[in-house]
Each structure stands twice: as C-alpha cells, then as structure tokens.
Amino acid sequence: MENWTKRFLLIPCLYACANAYAQDENTPVIEPELDRREITADSIDTEDFEIGVFAGFISIEDFSSSEVYGVKAAYHITEDFFFEAAYGMAQGDLTSFEKLSGGSPLLNDEDRDYTYYNLSVGWNMLPGEIFIWDRYTFNSQVYLIGGVGSTEFAGDSWFTVNLGAGFRLLLTDYFAWHIDVRDHVFDRDTFGEDQTTHNIEFTTGITVFF
C-alpha cells in the first residue's frame, strides 16, 4: 500500500516538471540589438612588387644638410620580409672651414654631387591598423631595414652600409605612403685621412604595388 501511495504522489510531480520544461523550451531567446559598424580595411594587394619615389633631407657629414630625392623598388618575399633597391641624389654644401676661411673651395661643384644606390633587406616588425573616423581603417607596418651599396661623392666611390627604420601606411590595396629614416655609413679620405662618416637621411614618399 505504501508503494502505491508513493507512485500516486510521484505522478503529479513528474507532470509538473515536464510541463515546466516544455514551457522553457518554447520561451523565445532574446537577441541583443547591436549597432555594428562597417569597417573597410585596405591591405597589400596580391601583387608582390612595389615601386615609388621619395624626397626629403640628408645630412652629409661635414657638408651640411641638403635635399635628397630618388626612386626605389621592392619585392615582398613574404608578409614579413622584403628586398628593396634604392637610388638617391643630393648636393653637398660648403664645409664649415670653407665658410669661415673664405678661401678657395675644397671641392668643385661636380665633386659635390652626392649619389648612392643600395640593396637592402627589410623586416615588417610591427604590423598594425590606424582608424579614421568610424568607418575606415588602414593597415600599417613599422619595419627595420638594412643593406649595402655604394656612394659617389667628392670624386670617388665609397662602399656604404645603410641601416634604418620606416613606416608604411596602406591607403588602398595598391597605394602606400612611407616615412623613412636611415643612416648611410661609409669611410672616406676627403681631408687626407680615413674617416667614418654617418649621413642621416629623412624621407617621405609614395609607392604602388603591381
């Protein structure tokens, strides 16, 4: 008799539980209403070649600062590394000695032509993004670069090592803006003894991918 009583009391409990579960299953899930903004991000095009122009200033040691301009081309091996070839031109000014002494110049105008070319390897060290307003974002990259080449100045050619860093902002998937700073290091004997010179260059430029 006791077992029958337990079964009698258990049936309503099971029914109540089943009814509560069914109501819970039919309860609609409230979806949050989020105002999602649309962001357009430009990245490097599928092409690996990059070519462009640059201009800025270079401080030629002992010969003051002057304007520099040139061209460069790059090949992107991977997303992290790239090769770059560059050619630049500038004009050396008078030395401090020439300005103060008032004597004959140490170099003629032709020998003051400063030209260089180099082949460098770059490393995209810090890829990132820059947000403009609420709709646009541009991919950016901070890179380190270094290489070797040659500098023609003071009537001679000098083996040159260049080291520096740069910032690339991808305005579209094929168009980029650069800011670079580099040190062109070479030994020269313009004044009769070997001297290691550091020639700091600040440039900005644009490139296209193809």
N, C-alpha and C. Protein backbone atom coordinates (compact mmCIF):
# COMPACT_ATOMS: atom_id res chain seq x y z
N MET A 1 0.82 -1.20 0.00
CA MET A 1 0.00 0.00 0.00
C MET A 1 0.87 1.26 0.00
N GLU A 2 1.98 1.16 0.74
CA GLU A 2 2.89 2.32 0.81
C GLU A 2 3.49 2.61 -0.55
N ASN A 3 3.89 1.59 -1.31
CA ASN A 3 4.45 1.81 -2.66
C ASN A 3 3.43 2.44 -3.58
N TRP A 4 2.21 2.04 -3.49
CA TRP A 4 1.15 2.62 -4.33
C TRP A 4 0.96 4.10 -4.02
N THR A 5 1.04 4.46 -2.76
CA THR A 5 0.89 5.86 -2.37
C THR A 5 2.02 6.70 -2.94
N LYS A 6 3.26 6.17 -2.87
CA LYS A 6 4.40 6.90 -3.43
C LYS A 6 4.24 7.12 -4.91
N ARG A 7 3.79 6.10 -5.62
CA ARG A 7 3.59 6.24 -7.06
C ARG A 7 2.51 7.27 -7.37
N PHE A 8 1.48 7.31 -6.57
CA PHE A 8 0.38 8.25 -6.78
C PHE A 8 0.85 9.69 -6.61
N LEU A 9 1.71 9.89 -5.62
CA LEU A 9 2.23 11.25 -5.39
C LEU A 9 3.30 11.64 -6.40
N LEU A 10 4.02 10.66 -6.95
CA LEU A 10 5.10 10.95 -7.88
C LEU A 10 4.60 11.36 -9.24
N ILE A 11 3.44 10.84 -9.66
CA ILE A 11 2.92 11.15 -11.00
C ILE A 11 2.67 12.64 -11.18
N PRO A 12 2.00 13.35 -10.25
CA PRO A 12 1.81 14.81 -10.42
C PRO A 12 3.14 15.58 -10.48
N CYS A 13 4.14 15.14 -9.70
CA CYS A 13 5.43 15.83 -9.71
C CYS A 13 6.11 15.73 -11.08
N LEU A 14 6.06 14.51 -11.66
CA LEU A 14 6.67 14.33 -12.99
C LEU A 14 5.94 15.15 -14.03
N TYR A 15 4.64 15.22 -13.92
CA TYR A 15 3.85 16.00 -14.87
C TYR A 15 4.20 17.49 -14.78
N ALA A 16 4.32 17.96 -13.57
CA ALA A 16 4.65 19.38 -13.37
C ALA A 16 6.04 19.71 -13.93
N CYS A 17 7.00 18.81 -13.70
CA CYS A 17 8.35 19.03 -14.24
C CYS A 17 8.36 19.04 -15.76
N ALA A 18 7.64 18.09 -16.38
CA ALA A 18 7.59 18.02 -17.84
C ALA A 18 6.94 19.26 -18.42
N ASN A 19 5.88 19.74 -17.76
CA ASN A 19 5.20 20.94 -18.25
C ASN A 19 6.10 22.17 -18.16
N ALA A 20 6.87 22.29 -17.05
CA ALA A 20 7.78 23.42 -16.89
C ALA A 20 8.89 23.38 -17.94
N TYR A 21 9.40 22.16 -18.25
CA TYR A 21 10.45 22.03 -19.26
C TYR A 21 9.95 22.42 -20.64
N ALA A 22 8.69 22.03 -20.95
CA ALA A 22 8.12 22.35 -22.25
C ALA A 22 7.94 23.85 -22.39
N GLN A 23 7.50 24.52 -21.30
CA GLN A 23 7.36 25.97 -21.37
C GLN A 23 8.71 26.66 -21.56
N ASP A 24 9.73 26.10 -20.90
CA ASP A 24 11.06 26.70 -21.03
C ASP A 24 11.60 26.54 -22.44
N GLU A 25 11.32 25.42 -23.10
CA GLU A 25 11.76 25.19 -24.48
C GLU A 25 11.11 26.15 -25.45
N ASN A 26 9.84 26.53 -25.16
CA ASN A 26 9.11 27.41 -26.07
C ASN A 26 9.37 28.88 -25.81
N THR A 27 10.12 29.16 -24.75
CA THR A 27 10.39 30.56 -24.43
C THR A 27 11.35 31.14 -25.46
N PRO A 28 11.01 32.21 -26.14
CA PRO A 28 11.90 32.77 -27.17
C PRO A 28 13.17 33.34 -26.56
N VAL A 29 14.29 33.17 -27.29
CA VAL A 29 15.57 33.71 -26.86
C VAL A 29 15.67 35.16 -27.31
N ILE A 30 15.97 36.04 -26.39
CA ILE A 30 16.07 37.46 -26.71
C ILE A 30 17.43 37.76 -27.29
N GLU A 31 17.47 38.19 -28.54
CA GLU A 31 18.72 38.53 -29.20
C GLU A 31 19.04 40.00 -28.96
N PRO A 32 20.28 40.32 -28.52
CA PRO A 32 20.63 41.73 -28.30
C PRO A 32 20.69 42.49 -29.61
N GLU A 33 20.17 43.70 -29.59
CA GLU A 33 20.20 44.55 -30.78
C GLU A 33 21.47 45.39 -30.75
N LEU A 34 22.44 45.00 -31.57
CA LEU A 34 23.73 45.68 -31.62
C LEU A 34 23.85 46.46 -32.92
N ASP A 35 24.27 47.68 -32.80
CA ASP A 35 24.51 48.52 -33.97
C ASP A 35 25.95 48.32 -34.41
N ARG A 36 26.15 47.38 -35.32
CA ARG A 36 27.50 47.03 -35.75
C ARG A 36 27.94 47.98 -36.86
N ARG A 37 29.13 48.58 -36.68
CA ARG A 37 29.65 49.49 -37.68
C ARG A 37 30.41 48.73 -38.77
N GLU A 38 30.35 49.22 -39.96
CA GLU A 38 31.06 48.61 -41.08
C GLU A 38 32.43 49.27 -41.21
N ILE A 39 33.46 48.45 -41.26
CA ILE A 39 34.84 48.95 -41.36
C ILE A 39 35.45 48.43 -42.65
N THR A 40 36.02 49.34 -43.40
CA THR A 40 36.70 48.97 -44.64
C THR A 40 38.19 49.00 -44.40
N ALA A 41 38.84 47.85 -44.55
CA ALA A 41 40.29 47.76 -44.30
C ALA A 41 41.01 47.47 -45.61
N ASP A 42 42.02 48.28 -45.88
CA ASP A 42 42.84 48.06 -47.07
C ASP A 42 44.09 47.29 -46.69
N SER A 43 44.44 46.33 -47.48
CA SER A 43 45.64 45.53 -47.23
C SER A 43 46.48 45.51 -48.50
N ILE A 44 47.68 44.95 -48.37
CA ILE A 44 48.55 44.87 -49.54
C ILE A 44 47.89 44.03 -50.63
N ASP A 45 47.97 44.51 -51.84
CA ASP A 45 47.39 43.78 -52.97
C ASP A 45 48.07 42.43 -53.11
N THR A 46 47.48 41.58 -53.92
CA THR A 46 48.04 40.25 -54.11
C THR A 46 49.37 40.28 -54.84
N GLU A 47 49.70 41.42 -55.48
CA GLU A 47 50.98 41.53 -56.17
C GLU A 47 52.10 41.72 -55.17
N ASP A 48 53.32 41.30 -55.55
CA ASP A 48 54.47 41.32 -54.65
C ASP A 48 55.46 42.44 -54.93
N PHE A 49 55.30 43.17 -56.04
CA PHE A 49 56.25 44.20 -56.41
C PHE A 49 55.74 45.58 -56.00
N GLU A 50 56.69 46.42 -55.60
CA GLU A 50 56.36 47.77 -55.14
C GLU A 50 57.39 48.74 -55.72
N ILE A 51 56.92 49.85 -56.25
CA ILE A 51 57.83 50.84 -56.82
C ILE A 51 57.32 52.23 -56.47
N GLY A 52 58.27 53.18 -56.27
CA GLY A 52 57.83 54.51 -55.90
C GLY A 52 58.94 55.53 -55.91
N VAL A 53 58.62 56.73 -55.45
CA VAL A 53 59.56 57.85 -55.39
C VAL A 53 59.60 58.38 -53.97
N PHE A 54 60.70 59.08 -53.63
CA PHE A 54 60.82 59.66 -52.29
C PHE A 54 61.58 60.97 -52.38
N ALA A 55 61.43 61.78 -51.34
CA ALA A 55 62.14 63.06 -51.25
C ALA A 55 62.27 63.42 -49.77
N GLY A 56 63.29 64.21 -49.46
CA GLY A 56 63.49 64.60 -48.07
C GLY A 56 64.80 65.34 -47.91
N PHE A 57 65.48 65.08 -46.79
CA PHE A 57 66.74 65.75 -46.48
C PHE A 57 67.77 64.74 -46.01
N ILE A 58 69.02 65.00 -46.34
CA ILE A 58 70.12 64.17 -45.89
C ILE A 58 71.20 65.07 -45.32
N SER A 59 71.72 64.68 -44.17
CA SER A 59 72.81 65.41 -43.54
C SER A 59 74.13 64.75 -43.92
N ILE A 60 74.83 65.36 -44.87
CA ILE A 60 76.13 64.84 -45.33
C ILE A 60 77.19 65.34 -44.35
N GLU A 61 77.82 64.43 -43.63
CA GLU A 61 78.75 64.82 -42.58
C GLU A 61 79.84 65.74 -43.13
N ASP A 62 80.03 66.87 -42.45
CA ASP A 62 80.99 67.93 -42.79
C ASP A 62 80.51 68.82 -43.93
N PHE A 63 79.43 68.43 -44.63
CA PHE A 63 78.98 69.21 -45.78
C PHE A 63 77.53 69.67 -45.63
N SER A 64 77.08 69.81 -44.41
CA SER A 64 75.76 70.35 -44.10
C SER A 64 74.63 69.45 -44.63
N SER A 65 73.40 69.93 -44.53
CA SER A 65 72.22 69.18 -44.99
C SER A 65 71.74 69.69 -46.33
N SER A 66 71.16 68.82 -47.09
CA SER A 66 70.64 69.22 -48.40
C SER A 66 69.45 68.35 -48.76
N GLU A 67 68.74 68.78 -49.78
CA GLU A 67 67.59 68.00 -50.25
C GLU A 67 68.08 66.72 -50.94
N VAL A 68 67.30 65.66 -50.79
CA VAL A 68 67.59 64.39 -51.43
C VAL A 68 66.30 63.87 -52.04
N TYR A 69 66.42 63.25 -53.17
CA TYR A 69 65.26 62.64 -53.81
C TYR A 69 65.73 61.43 -54.61
N GLY A 70 64.81 60.53 -54.90
CA GLY A 70 65.19 59.32 -55.62
C GLY A 70 64.04 58.38 -55.88
N VAL A 71 64.38 57.19 -56.28
CA VAL A 71 63.40 56.15 -56.60
C VAL A 71 63.78 54.88 -55.86
N LYS A 72 62.79 54.02 -55.64
CA LYS A 72 63.06 52.73 -55.02
C LYS A 72 62.06 51.70 -55.50
N ALA A 73 62.48 50.45 -55.43
CA ALA A 73 61.62 49.33 -55.83
C ALA A 73 61.83 48.20 -54.83
N ALA A 74 60.77 47.46 -54.56
CA ALA A 74 60.85 46.40 -53.56
C ALA A 74 60.14 45.15 -54.07
N TYR A 75 60.61 44.02 -53.57
CA TYR A 75 59.96 42.74 -53.83
C TYR A 75 59.65 42.10 -52.48
N HIS A 76 58.39 41.81 -52.23
CA HIS A 76 57.96 41.25 -50.95
C HIS A 76 58.04 39.72 -51.03
N ILE A 77 59.02 39.17 -50.32
CA ILE A 77 59.23 37.72 -50.32
C ILE A 77 58.09 37.03 -49.58
N THR A 78 57.80 37.50 -48.38
CA THR A 78 56.71 37.00 -47.56
C THR A 78 56.01 38.21 -46.95
N GLU A 79 55.06 37.97 -46.04
CA GLU A 79 54.41 39.07 -45.35
C GLU A 79 55.36 39.78 -44.40
N ASP A 80 56.45 39.12 -44.02
CA ASP A 80 57.37 39.69 -43.03
C ASP A 80 58.65 40.28 -43.62
N PHE A 81 59.11 39.77 -44.77
CA PHE A 81 60.41 40.19 -45.30
C PHE A 81 60.28 40.66 -46.74
N PHE A 82 61.16 41.62 -47.11
CA PHE A 82 61.18 42.12 -48.48
C PHE A 82 62.57 42.61 -48.83
N PHE A 83 62.87 42.58 -50.13
CA PHE A 83 64.08 43.16 -50.68
C PHE A 83 63.75 44.55 -51.23
N GLU A 84 64.72 45.47 -51.11
CA GLU A 84 64.50 46.81 -51.66
C GLU A 84 65.77 47.34 -52.32
N ALA A 85 65.61 47.94 -53.49
CA ALA A 85 66.71 48.63 -54.17
C ALA A 85 66.35 50.11 -54.25
N ALA A 86 67.33 50.98 -53.95
CA ALA A 86 67.07 52.42 -53.92
C ALA A 86 68.19 53.17 -54.60
N TYR A 87 67.83 54.32 -55.19
CA TYR A 87 68.81 55.21 -55.81
C TYR A 87 68.44 56.64 -55.42
N GLY A 88 69.41 57.38 -54.86
CA GLY A 88 69.13 58.73 -54.41
C GLY A 88 70.18 59.72 -54.87
N MET A 89 69.79 61.02 -54.90
CA MET A 89 70.69 62.09 -55.35
C MET A 89 70.55 63.28 -54.42
N ALA A 90 71.70 63.92 -54.15
CA ALA A 90 71.73 65.13 -53.32
C ALA A 90 72.92 65.99 -53.75
N GLN A 91 73.11 67.13 -53.08
CA GLN A 91 74.20 68.05 -53.41
C GLN A 91 74.84 68.51 -52.11
N GLY A 92 76.15 68.24 -51.96
CA GLY A 92 76.87 68.66 -50.76
C GLY A 92 77.08 70.17 -50.73
N ASP A 93 76.96 70.75 -49.53
CA ASP A 93 77.16 72.19 -49.36
C ASP A 93 78.63 72.46 -49.01
N LEU A 94 78.95 73.72 -48.72
CA LEU A 94 80.29 74.08 -48.27
C LEU A 94 80.54 73.56 -46.86
N THR A 95 81.77 73.20 -46.57
CA THR A 95 82.12 72.80 -45.20
C THR A 95 82.21 74.05 -44.33
N SER A 96 82.22 73.81 -43.00
CA SER A 96 82.36 74.93 -42.07
C SER A 96 83.68 75.66 -42.29
N PHE A 97 84.74 74.92 -42.60
CA PHE A 97 86.04 75.55 -42.85
C PHE A 97 85.98 76.46 -44.06
N GLU A 98 85.32 75.99 -45.13
CA GLU A 98 85.21 76.80 -46.34
C GLU A 98 84.41 78.08 -46.08
N LYS A 99 83.36 77.96 -45.27
CA LYS A 99 82.53 79.13 -44.99
C LYS A 99 83.26 80.16 -44.14
N LEU A 100 84.07 79.68 -43.18
CA LEU A 100 84.74 80.60 -42.25
C LEU A 100 86.03 81.16 -42.81
N SER A 101 86.75 80.36 -43.59
CA SER A 101 88.06 80.81 -44.07
C SER A 101 87.95 81.79 -45.24
N GLY A 102 86.92 81.61 -46.05
CA GLY A 102 86.76 82.47 -47.21
C GLY A 102 87.76 82.18 -48.32
N GLY A 103 88.49 81.07 -48.20
CA GLY A 103 89.46 80.71 -49.21
C GLY A 103 88.84 79.94 -50.35
N SER A 104 89.72 79.35 -51.16
CA SER A 104 89.24 78.57 -52.30
C SER A 104 88.51 77.32 -51.81
N PRO A 105 87.46 76.89 -52.50
CA PRO A 105 86.69 75.71 -52.09
C PRO A 105 87.52 74.44 -52.18
N LEU A 106 87.24 73.50 -51.27
CA LEU A 106 87.96 72.23 -51.26
C LEU A 106 87.52 71.33 -52.40
N LEU A 107 86.27 71.47 -52.83
CA LEU A 107 85.73 70.63 -53.91
C LEU A 107 85.07 71.52 -54.95
N ASN A 108 85.14 71.08 -56.19
CA ASN A 108 84.40 71.81 -57.22
C ASN A 108 82.93 71.36 -57.20
N ASP A 109 82.10 72.03 -57.96
CA ASP A 109 80.66 71.75 -57.94
C ASP A 109 80.35 70.32 -58.36
N GLU A 110 81.09 69.80 -59.32
CA GLU A 110 80.82 68.43 -59.79
C GLU A 110 81.11 67.41 -58.70
N ASP A 111 82.18 67.64 -57.94
CA ASP A 111 82.53 66.69 -56.87
C ASP A 111 81.57 66.76 -55.70
N ARG A 112 80.76 67.79 -55.61
CA ARG A 112 79.79 67.89 -54.52
C ARG A 112 78.51 67.11 -54.82
N ASP A 113 78.39 66.59 -56.04
CA ASP A 113 77.23 65.73 -56.34
C ASP A 113 77.30 64.47 -55.48
N TYR A 114 76.24 64.21 -54.78
CA TYR A 114 76.16 63.06 -53.87
C TYR A 114 75.10 62.11 -54.41
N THR A 115 75.51 60.94 -54.86
CA THR A 115 74.57 59.93 -55.36
C THR A 115 74.86 58.59 -54.69
N TYR A 116 73.83 57.81 -54.51
CA TYR A 116 74.02 56.49 -53.90
C TYR A 116 73.03 55.49 -54.47
N TYR A 117 73.40 54.25 -54.37
CA TYR A 117 72.46 53.16 -54.65
C TYR A 117 72.74 52.06 -53.64
N ASN A 118 71.71 51.30 -53.30
CA ASN A 118 71.89 50.22 -52.33
C ASN A 118 70.85 49.14 -52.54
N LEU A 119 71.14 47.99 -51.99
CA LEU A 119 70.23 46.85 -51.96
C LEU A 119 70.08 46.44 -50.51
N SER A 120 68.84 46.41 -50.03
CA SER A 120 68.59 46.20 -48.61
C SER A 120 67.56 45.10 -48.39
N VAL A 121 67.54 44.61 -47.15
CA VAL A 121 66.54 43.64 -46.71
C VAL A 121 65.72 44.29 -45.60
N GLY A 122 64.40 44.21 -45.72
CA GLY A 122 63.52 44.80 -44.72
C GLY A 122 62.72 43.75 -43.97
N TRP A 123 62.40 44.08 -42.74
CA TRP A 123 61.60 43.20 -41.87
C TRP A 123 60.42 43.99 -41.34
N ASN A 124 59.20 43.55 -41.68
CA ASN A 124 57.99 44.18 -41.17
C ASN A 124 57.81 43.78 -39.71
N MET A 125 58.31 44.62 -38.82
CA MET A 125 58.40 44.27 -37.41
C MET A 125 57.07 44.42 -36.67
N LEU A 126 56.33 45.50 -36.93
CA LEU A 126 55.12 45.79 -36.17
C LEU A 126 53.95 46.09 -37.11
N PRO A 127 53.26 45.07 -37.61
CA PRO A 127 52.05 45.34 -38.38
C PRO A 127 50.94 45.83 -37.46
N GLY A 128 50.11 46.73 -37.97
CA GLY A 128 49.02 47.27 -37.15
C GLY A 128 47.95 47.90 -38.00
N GLU A 129 47.07 48.67 -37.34
CA GLU A 129 45.97 49.33 -38.02
C GLU A 129 45.81 50.74 -37.46
N ILE A 130 45.38 51.65 -38.32
CA ILE A 130 45.07 53.02 -37.93
C ILE A 130 43.62 53.31 -38.31
N PHE A 131 42.82 53.76 -37.34
CA PHE A 131 41.40 54.00 -37.57
C PHE A 131 41.16 55.48 -37.86
N ILE A 132 40.38 55.75 -38.91
CA ILE A 132 40.00 57.10 -39.29
C ILE A 132 38.48 57.21 -39.18
N TRP A 133 38.00 58.13 -38.33
CA TRP A 133 36.58 58.26 -38.04
C TRP A 133 36.02 56.92 -37.57
N ASP A 134 34.82 56.57 -37.99
CA ASP A 134 34.19 55.34 -37.53
C ASP A 134 34.05 54.28 -38.61
N ARG A 135 34.48 54.60 -39.83
CA ARG A 135 34.22 53.68 -40.94
C ARG A 135 35.47 53.13 -41.59
N TYR A 136 36.59 53.82 -41.47
CA TYR A 136 37.76 53.43 -42.24
C TYR A 136 38.90 53.02 -41.32
N THR A 137 39.59 52.00 -41.74
CA THR A 137 40.81 51.59 -41.05
C THR A 137 41.87 51.26 -42.10
N PHE A 138 43.10 51.66 -41.82
CA PHE A 138 44.19 51.46 -42.76
C PHE A 138 45.26 50.58 -42.12
N ASN A 139 45.70 49.58 -42.85
CA ASN A 139 46.78 48.74 -42.36
C ASN A 139 48.09 49.52 -42.40
N SER A 140 48.91 49.30 -41.40
CA SER A 140 50.20 49.98 -41.32
C SER A 140 51.27 48.99 -40.90
N GLN A 141 52.52 49.35 -41.15
CA GLN A 141 53.65 48.49 -40.82
C GLN A 141 54.84 49.35 -40.43
N VAL A 142 55.45 49.01 -39.31
CA VAL A 142 56.73 49.58 -38.92
C VAL A 142 57.80 48.54 -39.27
N TYR A 143 58.82 48.96 -40.00
CA TYR A 143 59.81 47.98 -40.45
C TYR A 143 61.22 48.46 -40.17
N LEU A 144 62.11 47.49 -40.02
CA LEU A 144 63.54 47.74 -39.94
C LEU A 144 64.16 47.36 -41.27
N ILE A 145 65.21 48.08 -41.67
CA ILE A 145 65.81 47.80 -42.97
C ILE A 145 67.32 48.05 -42.90
N GLY A 146 68.05 47.30 -43.67
CA GLY A 146 69.50 47.47 -43.72
C GLY A 146 70.07 46.79 -44.95
N GLY A 147 71.20 47.30 -45.41
CA GLY A 147 71.80 46.71 -46.59
C GLY A 147 73.13 47.36 -46.94
N VAL A 148 73.59 47.10 -48.14
CA VAL A 148 74.89 47.60 -48.59
C VAL A 148 74.72 48.22 -49.98
N GLY A 149 75.70 49.05 -50.34
CA GLY A 149 75.67 49.68 -51.65
C GLY A 149 76.89 50.53 -51.86
N SER A 150 76.75 51.59 -52.63
CA SER A 150 77.87 52.46 -52.97
C SER A 150 77.41 53.91 -52.98
N THR A 151 78.31 54.80 -52.54
CA THR A 151 78.06 56.24 -52.56
C THR A 151 79.15 56.93 -53.38
N GLU A 152 78.73 57.77 -54.30
CA GLU A 152 79.68 58.55 -55.09
C GLU A 152 79.66 59.98 -54.58
N PHE A 153 80.82 60.43 -54.09
CA PHE A 153 80.92 61.77 -53.53
C PHE A 153 82.39 62.18 -53.46
N ALA A 154 82.64 63.45 -53.62
CA ALA A 154 83.99 64.00 -53.55
C ALA A 154 84.93 63.35 -54.55
N GLY A 155 84.40 63.03 -55.72
CA GLY A 155 85.23 62.49 -56.78
C GLY A 155 85.62 61.04 -56.62
N ASP A 156 84.92 60.29 -55.76
CA ASP A 156 85.27 58.89 -55.55
C ASP A 156 84.02 58.11 -55.19
N SER A 157 84.15 56.78 -55.20
CA SER A 157 83.05 55.88 -54.81
C SER A 157 83.41 55.21 -53.50
N TRP A 158 82.44 55.12 -52.60
CA TRP A 158 82.68 54.58 -51.27
C TRP A 158 81.68 53.46 -50.97
N PHE A 159 82.22 52.32 -50.51
CA PHE A 159 81.35 51.23 -50.08
C PHE A 159 80.53 51.71 -48.88
N THR A 160 79.22 51.47 -48.93
CA THR A 160 78.32 52.07 -47.94
C THR A 160 77.42 51.01 -47.31
N VAL A 161 77.24 51.12 -46.01
CA VAL A 161 76.27 50.31 -45.27
C VAL A 161 75.14 51.24 -44.83
N ASN A 162 73.91 50.82 -45.05
CA ASN A 162 72.78 51.64 -44.60
C ASN A 162 71.91 50.87 -43.62
N LEU A 163 71.49 51.56 -42.57
CA LEU A 163 70.64 50.99 -41.53
C LEU A 163 69.55 51.99 -41.21
N GLY A 164 68.35 51.51 -40.95
CA GLY A 164 67.29 52.44 -40.62
C GLY A 164 65.98 51.76 -40.29
N ALA A 165 64.94 52.58 -40.25
CA ALA A 165 63.59 52.11 -39.95
C ALA A 165 62.61 52.92 -40.77
N GLY A 166 61.41 52.38 -40.94
CA GLY A 166 60.41 53.07 -41.73
C GLY A 166 59.01 52.76 -41.28
N PHE A 167 58.08 53.55 -41.80
CA PHE A 167 56.65 53.37 -41.51
C PHE A 167 55.91 53.38 -42.83
N ARG A 168 55.10 52.36 -43.07
CA ARG A 168 54.32 52.24 -44.31
C ARG A 168 52.83 52.26 -43.96
N LEU A 169 52.09 53.16 -44.59
CA LEU A 169 50.64 53.25 -44.41
C LEU A 169 49.96 52.91 -45.72
N LEU A 170 49.14 51.85 -45.72
CA LEU A 170 48.47 51.40 -46.93
C LEU A 170 47.17 52.16 -47.11
N LEU A 171 47.18 53.15 -47.99
CA LEU A 171 46.00 53.98 -48.21
C LEU A 171 44.94 53.24 -49.01
N THR A 172 45.35 52.39 -49.95
CA THR A 172 44.46 51.49 -50.67
C THR A 172 45.17 50.14 -50.76
N ASP A 173 44.59 49.20 -51.48
CA ASP A 173 45.24 47.89 -51.59
C ASP A 173 46.41 47.90 -52.56
N TYR A 174 46.68 49.05 -53.21
CA TYR A 174 47.82 49.11 -54.12
C TYR A 174 48.64 50.40 -53.96
N PHE A 175 48.26 51.28 -53.04
CA PHE A 175 48.89 52.59 -52.90
C PHE A 175 49.31 52.80 -51.45
N ALA A 176 50.60 53.17 -51.22
CA ALA A 176 51.11 53.29 -49.86
C ALA A 176 51.92 54.57 -49.69
N TRP A 177 51.96 55.04 -48.45
CA TRP A 177 52.74 56.22 -48.07
C TRP A 177 53.82 55.80 -47.09
N HIS A 178 55.06 56.27 -47.28
CA HIS A 178 56.20 55.87 -46.47
C HIS A 178 56.82 57.06 -45.74
N ILE A 179 57.35 56.79 -44.56
CA ILE A 179 58.25 57.70 -43.85
C ILE A 179 59.47 56.88 -43.44
N ASP A 180 60.67 57.36 -43.79
CA ASP A 180 61.89 56.59 -43.53
C ASP A 180 62.95 57.46 -42.89
N VAL A 181 63.77 56.82 -42.06
CA VAL A 181 64.98 57.43 -41.54
C VAL A 181 66.10 56.40 -41.67
N ARG A 182 67.23 56.80 -42.26
CA ARG A 182 68.33 55.87 -42.48
C ARG A 182 69.67 56.56 -42.26
N ASP A 183 70.63 55.75 -41.90
CA ASP A 183 72.00 56.22 -41.73
C ASP A 183 72.86 55.54 -42.78
N HIS A 184 73.48 56.35 -43.64
CA HIS A 184 74.40 55.82 -44.65
C HIS A 184 75.82 55.97 -44.11
N VAL A 185 76.47 54.86 -43.83
CA VAL A 185 77.77 54.86 -43.17
C VAL A 185 78.84 54.42 -44.18
N PHE A 186 79.87 55.26 -44.36
CA PHE A 186 80.99 54.86 -45.21
C PHE A 186 82.26 55.60 -44.77
N ASP A 187 83.39 55.01 -45.11
CA ASP A 187 84.71 55.61 -44.81
C ASP A 187 85.16 56.42 -46.02
N ARG A 188 85.67 57.62 -45.76
CA ARG A 188 86.20 58.43 -46.85
C ARG A 188 87.47 59.15 -46.37
N ASP A 189 88.29 59.56 -47.32
CA ASP A 189 89.55 60.23 -47.00
C ASP A 189 89.63 61.60 -47.70
N THR A 190 88.50 62.28 -47.72
CA THR A 190 88.43 63.57 -48.41
C THR A 190 89.45 64.57 -47.88
N PHE A 191 89.71 64.54 -46.58
CA PHE A 191 90.60 65.51 -45.95
C PHE A 191 91.97 64.93 -45.64
N GLY A 192 92.35 63.86 -46.35
CA GLY A 192 93.69 63.33 -46.22
C GLY A 192 93.83 62.15 -45.29
N GLU A 193 92.82 61.82 -44.50
CA GLU A 193 92.88 60.65 -43.61
C GLU A 193 91.52 59.96 -43.61
N ASP A 194 91.54 58.64 -43.36
CA ASP A 194 90.30 57.87 -43.35
C ASP A 194 89.40 58.35 -42.21
N GLN A 195 88.13 58.51 -42.54
CA GLN A 195 87.15 58.97 -41.57
C GLN A 195 85.84 58.24 -41.81
N THR A 196 85.28 57.65 -40.74
CA THR A 196 83.97 57.00 -40.84
C THR A 196 82.90 58.06 -40.69
N THR A 197 82.06 58.20 -41.70
CA THR A 197 81.04 59.24 -41.69
C THR A 197 79.65 58.64 -41.57
N HIS A 198 78.79 59.35 -40.88
CA HIS A 198 77.38 58.98 -40.72
C HIS A 198 76.53 60.05 -41.40
N ASN A 199 75.76 59.63 -42.36
CA ASN A 199 74.97 60.56 -43.16
C ASN A 199 73.49 60.22 -42.98
N ILE A 200 72.82 60.96 -42.10
CA ILE A 200 71.45 60.65 -41.71
C ILE A 200 70.48 61.21 -42.74
N GLU A 201 69.53 60.37 -43.14
CA GLU A 201 68.56 60.74 -44.19
C GLU A 201 67.14 60.59 -43.66
N PHE A 202 66.32 61.63 -43.86
CA PHE A 202 64.89 61.61 -43.52
C PHE A 202 64.11 61.83 -44.81
N THR A 203 63.25 60.89 -45.16
CA THR A 203 62.50 60.99 -46.40
C THR A 203 61.04 60.57 -46.21
N THR A 204 60.23 61.00 -47.14
CA THR A 204 58.86 60.53 -47.24
C THR A 204 58.57 60.27 -48.72
N GLY A 205 57.66 59.36 -49.01
CA GLY A 205 57.41 59.03 -50.40
C GLY A 205 56.16 58.20 -50.57
N ILE A 206 55.84 57.91 -51.81
CA ILE A 206 54.68 57.10 -52.15
C ILE A 206 55.11 55.94 -53.03
N THR A 207 54.41 54.83 -52.91
CA THR A 207 54.70 53.64 -53.71
C THR A 207 53.40 53.02 -54.18
N VAL A 208 53.51 52.25 -55.25
CA VAL A 208 52.36 51.50 -55.75
C VAL A 208 52.77 50.03 -55.87
N PHE A 209 51.80 49.15 -55.68
CA PHE A 209 52.01 47.71 -55.83
C PHE A 209 51.48 47.26 -57.19
N PHE A 210 52.19 46.33 -57.79
CA PHE A 210 51.75 45.82 -59.10
C PHE A 210 52.19 44.38 -59.26
